[in-house]
C-alpha atoms as a PDB file:
ATOM      1  CA  MET A   1      11.318   3.128  -9.102  1.00  0.00           C
ATOM      2  CA  SER A   2      11.233   3.985  -5.278  1.00  0.00           C
ATOM      3  CA  ASN A   3      14.017   1.820  -3.104  1.00  0.00           C
ATOM      4  CA  THR A   4      11.143   1.282  -0.552  1.00  0.00           C
ATOM      5  CA  PRO A   5       9.738  -2.565  -0.985  1.00  0.00           C
ATOM      6  CA  HIS A   6       6.143  -3.757  -1.105  1.00  0.00           C
ATOM      7  CA  THR A   7       5.352  -0.702  -3.731  1.00  0.00           C
ATOM      8  CA  LEU A   8       2.132  -1.436  -5.383  1.00  0.00           C
ATOM      9  CA  ALA A   9       3.484  -2.307  -8.624  1.00  0.00           C
ATOM     10  CA  GLU A  10       5.540  -4.989  -6.914  1.00  0.00           C
ATOM     11  CA  GLU A  11       2.127  -6.032  -5.427  1.00  0.00           C
ATOM     12  CA  PHE A  12       0.286  -5.571  -8.349  1.00  0.00           C
ATOM     13  CA  PRO A  13       2.818  -6.710 -11.099  1.00  0.00           C
ATOM     14  CA  GLY A  14       0.759  -6.183 -14.494  1.00  0.00           C
ATOM     15  CA  LYS A  15      -2.119  -4.169 -12.743  1.00  0.00           C
ATOM     16  CA  ALA A  16      -0.835  -0.609 -13.122  1.00  0.00           C
ATOM     17  CA  ASP A  17      -3.604   0.085 -15.927  1.00  0.00           C
ATOM     18  CA  ALA A  18      -6.302  -0.920 -13.510  1.00  0.00           C
ATOM     19  CA  ILE A  19      -5.059   0.971 -10.456  1.00  0.00           C
ATOM     20  CA  HIS A  20      -4.557   3.922 -12.752  1.00  0.00           C
ATOM     21  CA  ALA A  21      -8.391   3.596 -14.390  1.00  0.00           C
ATOM     22  CA  LEU A  22      -9.589   2.833 -10.670  1.00  0.00           C
ATOM     23  CA  LYS A  23      -7.520   6.023  -9.199  1.00  0.00           C
ATOM     24  CA  VAL A  24      -8.980   8.363 -11.438  1.00  0.00           C
ATOM     25  CA  SER A  25     -12.559   7.268 -11.455  1.00  0.00           C
ATOM     26  CA  ASP A  26     -13.131   6.635  -7.313  1.00  0.00           C
ATOM     27  CA  ALA A  27     -12.003   8.571  -4.887  1.00  0.00           C
ATOM     28  CA  HIS A  28     -12.297   5.807  -2.344  1.00  0.00           C
ATOM     29  CA  PHE A  29      -9.846   3.994  -3.899  1.00  0.00           C
ATOM     30  CA  ALA A  30      -7.397   7.055  -4.716  1.00  0.00           C
ATOM     31  CA  ARG A  31      -7.542   7.513  -0.652  1.00  0.00           C
ATOM     32  CA  LEU A  32      -6.499   3.769  -0.348  1.00  0.00           C
ATOM     33  CA  LEU A  33      -3.512   4.219  -2.846  1.00  0.00           C
ATOM     34  CA  ASP A  34      -2.473   7.220  -0.700  1.00  0.00           C
ATOM     35  CA  GLU A  35      -3.098   5.551   2.297  1.00  0.00           C
ATOM     36  CA  TYR A  36      -0.958   2.507   1.243  1.00  0.00           C
ATOM     37  CA  ASP A  37       2.220   4.200   0.095  1.00  0.00           C
ATOM     38  CA  THR A  38       2.313   6.475   3.492  1.00  0.00           C
ATOM     39  CA  VAL A  39       1.802   3.469   5.795  1.00  0.00           C
ATOM     40  CA  ASN A  40       4.357   1.102   3.498  1.00  0.00           C
ATOM     41  CA  ASP A  41       7.012   4.270   3.997  1.00  0.00           C
ATOM     42  CA  GLN A  42       6.200   4.550   8.059  1.00  0.00           C
ATOM     43  CA  VAL A  43       6.936   0.172   8.012  1.00  0.00           C
ATOM     44  CA  HIS A  44      10.075   0.821   5.498  1.00  0.00           C
ATOM     45  CA  ARG A  45      11.322   3.231   7.819  1.00  0.00           C
ATOM     46  CA  ALA A  46      10.536   1.758  10.564  1.00  0.00           C
ATOM     47  CA  GLU A  47      12.449  -1.635   9.439  1.00  0.00           C
ATOM     48  CA  THR A  48      15.372   0.576   8.634  1.00  0.00           C
ATOM     49  CA  LYS A  49      15.112   1.921  11.431  1.00  0.00           C
ATOM     50  CA  ILE A  50      15.446   5.109   9.863  1.00  0.00           C
ATOM     51  CA  ASP A  51      12.280   5.925  12.435  1.00  0.00           C
ATOM     52  CA  PRO A  52      12.754   3.143  14.965  1.00  0.00           C
ATOM     53  CA  VAL A  53       9.775   2.473  16.667  1.00  0.00           C
ATOM     54  CA  ASP A  54       8.831  -0.524  19.515  1.00  0.00           C
ATOM     55  CA  GLN A  55       8.097  -3.635  17.640  1.00  0.00           C
ATOM     56  CA  LEU A  56       4.420  -3.857  18.396  1.00  0.00           C
ATOM     57  CA  VAL A  57       3.788  -0.626  16.543  1.00  0.00           C
ATOM     58  CA  GLU A  58       5.914  -1.853  13.729  1.00  0.00           C
ATOM     59  CA  ASN A  59       4.071  -4.743  13.360  1.00  0.00           C
ATOM     60  CA  GLU A  60       0.370  -3.146  13.891  1.00  0.00           C
ATOM     61  CA  LEU A  61       1.960  -0.713  10.723  1.00  0.00           C
ATOM     62  CA  ARG A  62       2.508  -4.082   8.900  1.00  0.00           C
ATOM     63  CA  LYS A  63      -1.341  -5.449   9.652  1.00  0.00           C
ATOM     64  CA  ARG A  64      -2.657  -2.373   8.578  1.00  0.00           C
ATOM     65  CA  ARG A  65      -0.483  -2.247   5.364  1.00  0.00           C
ATOM     66  CA  LEU A  66      -1.984  -5.562   4.488  1.00  0.00           C
ATOM     67  CA  SER A  67      -5.455  -4.953   5.186  1.00  0.00           C
ATOM     68  CA  ILE A  68      -5.437  -1.825   2.858  1.00  0.00           C
ATOM     69  CA  LYS A  69      -3.862  -4.083   0.156  1.00  0.00           C
ATOM     70  CA  ASP A  70      -6.663  -6.280   1.035  1.00  0.00           C
ATOM     71  CA  GLN A  71      -9.228  -3.682   0.212  1.00  0.00           C
ATOM     72  CA  ILE A  72      -7.163  -2.503  -3.026  1.00  0.00           C
ATOM     73  CA  ALA A  73      -6.722  -6.496  -4.207  1.00  0.00           C
ATOM     74  CA  ARG A  74     -10.745  -6.464  -3.551  1.00  0.00           C
ATOM     75  CA  ALA A  75     -11.401  -3.107  -5.350  1.00  0.00           C
ATOM     76  CA  LEU A  76      -9.408  -4.498  -8.651  1.00  0.00           C
ATOM     77  CA  SER A  77     -10.903  -8.061  -8.486  1.00  0.00           C
ATOM     78  CA  ALA A  78     -14.525  -6.233  -8.759  1.00  0.00           C
ATOM     79  CA  ALA A  79     -13.556  -3.944 -11.167  1.00  0.00           C
ATOM     80  CA  ALA A  80     -12.202  -6.790 -13.319  1.00  0.00           C
END
């Protein structure tokens, strides 16, 4: 397991099978997952000062992560 907080497994507990099923059947969903992981890593690196950024940039990254997470949640809900 990653040391990065806010992984999809943490954000959507019990949804691993549904996430995997959508990932292999829906290219757009797969891209959302990749984008979420990328942005989440950027947020983590900014928060831990590995890659320090301006506070405004860090806040925008958090907002982007939340937006992507909302899209993932909607897709999971629609697939249920």
